[in-house]
Amino acid sequence: MMSRTVKTGTKTKAVRAKAPAKNAASAGPRKGRLRLDAVKTIRKMILLGELPPGERLREVALSEALGMSRTPIREAFRTLAAEGLIDLLPNRSVVVSVPDKSEAADVFTVLGVLEGLAGQLACRRMTPEQIEILDELQADLAAYFEKSDRLSYLEANRLIHEHIVQAAESPSLMLAWRLLLPRAERARHVTTLDHDRWAEAFAEHCEINAAIQARDEKLLKQLLESHFAKGVESMKKNEARERASRRAEIYAGVIS
């Protein structure tokens, strides 16, 4: 920091120049951006399985990997813990949470109700421009499905659901939806691994888009609730298959 000389009577004092106010003002927004960047990056790593369930997260390693100090990493941990993606343990360690399959099914059920209501409101309030954007997103979804580009498909899928909820113009509904979204996204990454369910979900999205284009709010509500209900069924089927596979392994070990 620079200093300047100031005369006061017969004495001369060295006075430290104050840093420009704009530096202090800009520190806050920058700090906020770093936290959001950390949240977004770590969340994506968890959803993609790069940070698997049970993995211990270390502030130092993540700060070095993301090129930022430990403070935004620590703040990001609090946000991700509130989303249910990580666990903050009593001994100050941080681990990626192990998905609770029954909880995931419950989240999908609640989201189905929320989005069913959002669909009703969106049908009444959507502008022609918003409907046109939704149609473009649906075209993107179809292209990614044809290419079997799962990650791009999931992002387009998220944008479609978000667009519908935003068009409902209900801040309370949006708040509740955003709170549940990260947990639902984690489950959705699992369900698209089942290609049969993925194809079924894409067909459902085509019907959802057609209902919105027709502004058929009753049909749209039914389709959205059914869309999530079938996701729950898919989770339960996957769980049953996993149990059967584990039993087969146990029997094979006993026989051998």
Protein backbone atom coordinates (compact mmCIF):
# COMPACT_ATOMS: atom_id res chain seq x y z
CA MET A 1 0.00 0.00 0.00
CA MET A 2 1.40 3.43 -0.94
CA SER A 3 2.06 6.28 1.56
CA ARG A 4 2.17 10.03 1.22
CA THR A 5 3.77 12.80 3.32
CA VAL A 6 1.54 15.30 5.08
CA LYS A 7 2.83 18.46 6.93
CA THR A 8 1.09 19.36 10.20
CA GLY A 9 2.60 22.57 11.58
CA THR A 10 6.34 21.94 12.19
CA LYS A 11 6.01 18.17 12.00
CA THR A 12 5.88 15.91 9.04
CA LYS A 13 3.88 12.68 9.19
CA ALA A 14 3.84 9.73 6.86
CA VAL A 15 0.20 8.87 6.25
CA ARG A 16 -0.79 5.61 4.65
CA ALA A 17 -3.08 6.14 1.70
CA LYS A 18 -6.36 4.29 1.94
CA ALA A 19 -7.12 1.70 -0.67
CA PRO A 20 -9.78 2.82 -3.16
CA ALA A 21 -13.26 2.05 -1.92
CA LYS A 22 -14.05 0.17 -5.10
CA ASN A 23 -11.53 -2.57 -4.16
CA ALA A 24 -13.43 -3.33 -0.97
CA ALA A 25 -16.72 -3.18 -2.81
CA SER A 26 -15.55 -5.57 -5.51
CA ALA A 27 -14.25 -8.13 -3.00
CA GLY A 28 -17.76 -9.14 -1.94
CA PRO A 29 -19.16 -9.97 -5.41
CA ARG A 30 -15.95 -11.79 -6.36
CA LYS A 31 -16.09 -13.89 -3.20
CA GLY A 32 -19.71 -14.75 -3.99
CA ARG A 33 -18.82 -15.78 -7.53
CA LEU A 34 -16.04 -18.05 -6.30
CA ARG A 35 -18.44 -19.77 -3.90
CA LEU A 36 -20.99 -20.30 -6.68
CA ASP A 37 -18.28 -21.62 -9.00
CA ALA A 38 -17.14 -24.05 -6.31
CA VAL A 39 -20.71 -25.21 -5.66
CA LYS A 40 -21.39 -25.73 -9.36
CA THR A 41 -18.16 -27.62 -10.02
CA ILE A 42 -18.27 -29.92 -6.98
CA ARG A 43 -21.99 -30.59 -7.54
CA LYS A 44 -21.30 -31.62 -11.13
CA MET A 45 -18.46 -33.92 -10.03
CA ILE A 46 -20.80 -35.63 -7.57
CA LEU A 47 -23.64 -36.00 -10.09
CA LEU A 48 -21.29 -37.44 -12.72
CA GLY A 49 -19.86 -39.91 -10.23
CA GLU A 50 -16.36 -38.40 -10.34
CA LEU A 51 -16.73 -38.01 -6.58
CA PRO A 52 -18.43 -41.31 -5.61
CA PRO A 53 -20.63 -41.87 -2.54
CA GLY A 54 -18.57 -42.12 0.63
CA GLU A 55 -15.60 -40.25 -0.88
CA ARG A 56 -13.91 -37.94 1.60
CA LEU A 57 -13.61 -34.33 0.37
CA ARG A 58 -10.51 -32.39 1.39
CA GLU A 59 -10.49 -28.60 1.34
CA VAL A 60 -6.81 -28.31 0.41
CA ALA A 61 -6.99 -30.74 -2.51
CA LEU A 62 -10.15 -29.16 -3.92
CA SER A 63 -8.84 -25.61 -3.52
CA GLU A 64 -5.70 -26.56 -5.45
CA ALA A 65 -7.69 -28.39 -8.13
CA LEU A 66 -10.15 -25.51 -8.60
CA GLY A 67 -7.55 -22.77 -8.28
CA MET A 68 -9.15 -20.90 -5.38
CA SER A 69 -8.65 -20.45 -1.65
CA ARG A 70 -10.14 -22.77 0.96
CA THR A 71 -12.79 -20.24 2.04
CA PRO A 72 -15.15 -20.61 -0.98
CA ILE A 73 -14.65 -24.38 -0.82
CA ARG A 74 -15.72 -24.38 2.83
CA GLU A 75 -18.75 -22.21 2.02
CA ALA A 76 -19.64 -24.48 -0.90
CA PHE A 77 -19.64 -27.44 1.47
CA ARG A 78 -22.40 -25.81 3.52
CA THR A 79 -24.54 -25.28 0.41
CA LEU A 80 -24.01 -28.83 -0.84
CA ALA A 81 -24.79 -30.23 2.61
CA ALA A 82 -28.12 -28.35 2.57
CA GLU A 83 -28.82 -29.96 -0.82
CA GLY A 84 -28.15 -33.40 0.66
CA LEU A 85 -25.19 -34.14 -1.63
CA ILE A 86 -22.53 -34.23 1.10
CA ASP A 87 -22.41 -34.95 4.83
CA LEU A 88 -20.61 -32.72 7.33
CA LEU A 89 -19.47 -35.12 10.04
CA PRO A 90 -18.86 -34.25 13.73
CA ASN A 91 -15.08 -34.78 13.37
CA ARG A 92 -15.05 -31.99 10.74
CA SER A 93 -14.55 -34.41 7.87
CA VAL A 94 -16.70 -34.06 4.77
CA VAL A 95 -17.90 -37.00 2.66
CA VAL A 96 -20.09 -37.44 -0.40
CA SER A 97 -23.42 -38.68 0.91
CA VAL A 98 -24.63 -42.17 0.07
CA PRO A 99 -27.95 -41.84 -1.78
CA ASP A 100 -30.96 -43.04 0.16
CA LYS A 101 -33.04 -44.81 -2.48
CA SER A 102 -36.27 -44.53 -0.52
CA GLU A 103 -35.61 -40.80 -0.10
CA ALA A 104 -34.94 -40.42 -3.83
CA ALA A 105 -38.29 -42.03 -4.60
CA ASP A 106 -39.97 -39.65 -2.15
CA VAL A 107 -38.25 -36.65 -3.78
CA PHE A 108 -39.52 -37.74 -7.22
CA THR A 109 -43.04 -38.12 -5.86
CA VAL A 110 -43.04 -34.62 -4.35
CA LEU A 111 -41.50 -33.11 -7.49
CA GLY A 112 -44.24 -34.73 -9.56
CA VAL A 113 -46.87 -32.91 -7.51
CA LEU A 114 -44.94 -29.61 -7.68
CA GLU A 115 -44.40 -29.80 -11.41
CA GLY A 116 -47.96 -30.91 -12.02
CA LEU A 117 -49.10 -27.67 -10.38
CA ALA A 118 -46.42 -25.72 -12.24
CA GLY A 119 -47.64 -27.17 -15.52
CA GLN A 120 -51.21 -26.03 -14.84
CA LEU A 121 -50.07 -22.49 -14.09
CA ALA A 122 -47.61 -22.42 -16.98
CA CYS A 123 -50.32 -23.38 -19.47
CA ARG A 124 -52.25 -20.27 -18.44
CA ARG A 125 -49.31 -17.88 -18.20
CA MET A 126 -46.75 -18.91 -20.81
CA THR A 127 -46.07 -16.34 -23.50
CA PRO A 128 -45.74 -17.41 -27.16
CA GLU A 129 -42.00 -16.69 -26.88
CA GLN A 130 -41.67 -19.01 -23.87
CA ILE A 131 -43.51 -21.78 -25.72
CA GLU A 132 -41.20 -21.30 -28.70
CA ILE A 133 -38.13 -21.61 -26.45
CA LEU A 134 -39.56 -24.79 -24.92
CA ASP A 135 -40.04 -26.23 -28.39
CA GLU A 136 -36.39 -25.50 -29.19
CA LEU A 137 -35.29 -27.20 -25.98
CA GLN A 138 -37.40 -30.23 -26.92
CA ALA A 139 -35.61 -30.36 -30.29
CA ASP A 140 -32.27 -30.33 -28.47
CA LEU A 141 -33.50 -33.14 -26.23
CA ALA A 142 -34.43 -35.23 -29.26
CA ALA A 143 -31.03 -34.64 -30.88
CA TYR A 144 -29.15 -35.68 -27.75
CA PHE A 145 -31.33 -38.77 -27.35
CA GLU A 146 -30.61 -39.85 -30.92
CA LYS A 147 -26.87 -39.44 -30.30
CA SER A 148 -27.10 -41.23 -26.92
CA ASP A 149 -25.39 -38.16 -25.44
CA ARG A 150 -26.54 -38.78 -21.87
CA LEU A 151 -24.93 -35.78 -20.17
CA SER A 152 -26.17 -33.25 -22.75
CA TYR A 153 -29.60 -34.90 -22.63
CA LEU A 154 -29.76 -34.52 -18.85
CA GLU A 155 -28.84 -30.84 -19.06
CA ALA A 156 -31.51 -30.18 -21.72
CA ASN A 157 -33.97 -32.15 -19.61
CA ARG A 158 -33.20 -29.98 -16.57
CA LEU A 159 -33.66 -26.80 -18.62
CA ILE A 160 -37.07 -27.97 -19.86
CA HIS A 161 -38.34 -28.69 -16.36
CA GLU A 162 -36.91 -25.41 -15.08
CA HIS A 163 -38.50 -23.49 -17.95
CA ILE A 164 -41.92 -24.91 -17.10
CA VAL A 165 -41.56 -24.07 -13.40
CA GLN A 166 -40.35 -20.54 -14.18
CA ALA A 167 -43.30 -20.00 -16.53
CA ALA A 168 -45.66 -20.77 -13.64
CA GLU A 169 -44.58 -17.40 -12.15
CA SER A 170 -44.84 -18.64 -8.57
CA PRO A 171 -41.82 -17.69 -6.40
CA SER A 172 -42.87 -20.09 -3.62
CA LEU A 173 -43.19 -22.96 -6.07
CA MET A 174 -39.80 -22.16 -7.61
CA LEU A 175 -38.17 -22.03 -4.15
CA ALA A 176 -39.51 -25.46 -3.19
CA TRP A 177 -38.53 -26.90 -6.59
CA ARG A 178 -34.95 -25.58 -6.41
CA LEU A 179 -34.50 -27.03 -2.94
CA LEU A 180 -35.35 -30.54 -4.15
CA LEU A 181 -33.67 -30.32 -7.56
CA PRO A 182 -30.09 -31.46 -6.67
CA ARG A 183 -31.36 -34.65 -5.03
CA ALA A 184 -33.63 -35.33 -7.99
CA GLU A 185 -30.79 -34.72 -10.46
CA ARG A 186 -28.68 -37.35 -8.73
CA ALA A 187 -31.47 -39.91 -9.05
CA ARG A 188 -32.12 -38.91 -12.66
CA HIS A 189 -28.50 -39.66 -13.58
CA VAL A 190 -29.10 -43.21 -12.36
CA THR A 191 -32.42 -43.79 -14.15
CA THR A 192 -31.01 -42.80 -17.57
CA LEU A 193 -28.46 -45.61 -17.26
CA ASP A 194 -31.45 -47.89 -17.94
CA HIS A 195 -31.87 -47.38 -21.69
CA ASP A 196 -35.42 -48.73 -21.74
CA ARG A 197 -36.48 -46.19 -19.11
CA TRP A 198 -34.55 -43.47 -20.94
CA ALA A 199 -36.48 -44.17 -24.15
CA GLU A 200 -39.76 -44.22 -22.24
CA ALA A 201 -38.93 -40.91 -20.51
CA PHE A 202 -38.09 -39.28 -23.84
CA ALA A 203 -41.44 -40.38 -25.30
CA GLU A 204 -43.14 -38.88 -22.24
CA HIS A 205 -41.34 -35.59 -22.85
CA CYS A 206 -42.71 -35.52 -26.39
CA GLU A 207 -46.24 -35.85 -24.98
CA ILE A 208 -45.55 -33.17 -22.37
CA ASN A 209 -44.36 -30.76 -25.03
CA ALA A 210 -47.44 -31.42 -27.18
CA ALA A 211 -49.73 -30.74 -24.20
CA ILE A 212 -48.00 -27.43 -23.54
CA GLN A 213 -48.25 -26.41 -27.19
CA ALA A 214 -52.00 -27.14 -26.97
CA ARG A 215 -52.23 -25.37 -23.56
CA ASP A 216 -54.05 -28.41 -22.19
CA GLU A 217 -53.41 -27.85 -18.47
CA LYS A 218 -55.38 -30.86 -17.26
CA LEU A 219 -53.51 -33.26 -19.53
CA LEU A 220 -50.16 -31.62 -18.76
CA LYS A 221 -50.69 -32.04 -15.01
CA GLN A 222 -51.44 -35.74 -15.50
CA LEU A 223 -48.43 -36.24 -17.78
CA LEU A 224 -45.97 -34.54 -15.44
CA GLU A 225 -47.17 -36.46 -12.38
CA SER A 226 -47.05 -39.71 -14.37
CA HIS A 227 -43.56 -38.85 -15.67
CA PHE A 228 -42.19 -38.72 -12.13
CA ALA A 229 -44.25 -41.70 -10.93
CA LYS A 230 -42.70 -43.86 -13.65
CA GLY A 231 -39.27 -42.63 -12.55
CA VAL A 232 -40.07 -43.95 -9.08
CA GLU A 233 -41.12 -47.30 -10.56
CA SER A 234 -37.82 -47.45 -12.46
CA MET A 235 -35.85 -46.85 -9.25
CA LYS A 236 -37.70 -49.65 -7.49
CA LYS A 237 -37.09 -52.05 -10.39
CA ASN A 238 -33.38 -51.21 -10.41
CA GLU A 239 -33.22 -51.82 -6.67
CA ALA A 240 -34.95 -55.19 -7.09
CA ARG A 241 -32.48 -56.18 -9.82
CA GLU A 242 -29.55 -55.22 -7.59
CA ARG A 243 -30.92 -57.34 -4.74
CA ALA A 244 -31.39 -60.30 -7.10
CA SER A 245 -27.83 -59.86 -8.40
CA ARG A 246 -26.43 -59.82 -4.85
CA ARG A 247 -28.37 -62.97 -3.97
CA ALA A 248 -27.04 -64.69 -7.09
CA GLU A 249 -23.47 -63.80 -6.11
CA ILE A 250 -24.01 -65.15 -2.60
CA TYR A 251 -25.45 -68.43 -3.91
CA ALA A 252 -22.64 -68.75 -6.44
CA GLY A 253 -20.08 -68.31 -3.65
CA VAL A 254 -21.77 -70.96 -1.51
CA ILE A 255 -21.95 -73.48 -4.36
CA SER A 256 -18.35 -72.94 -5.40
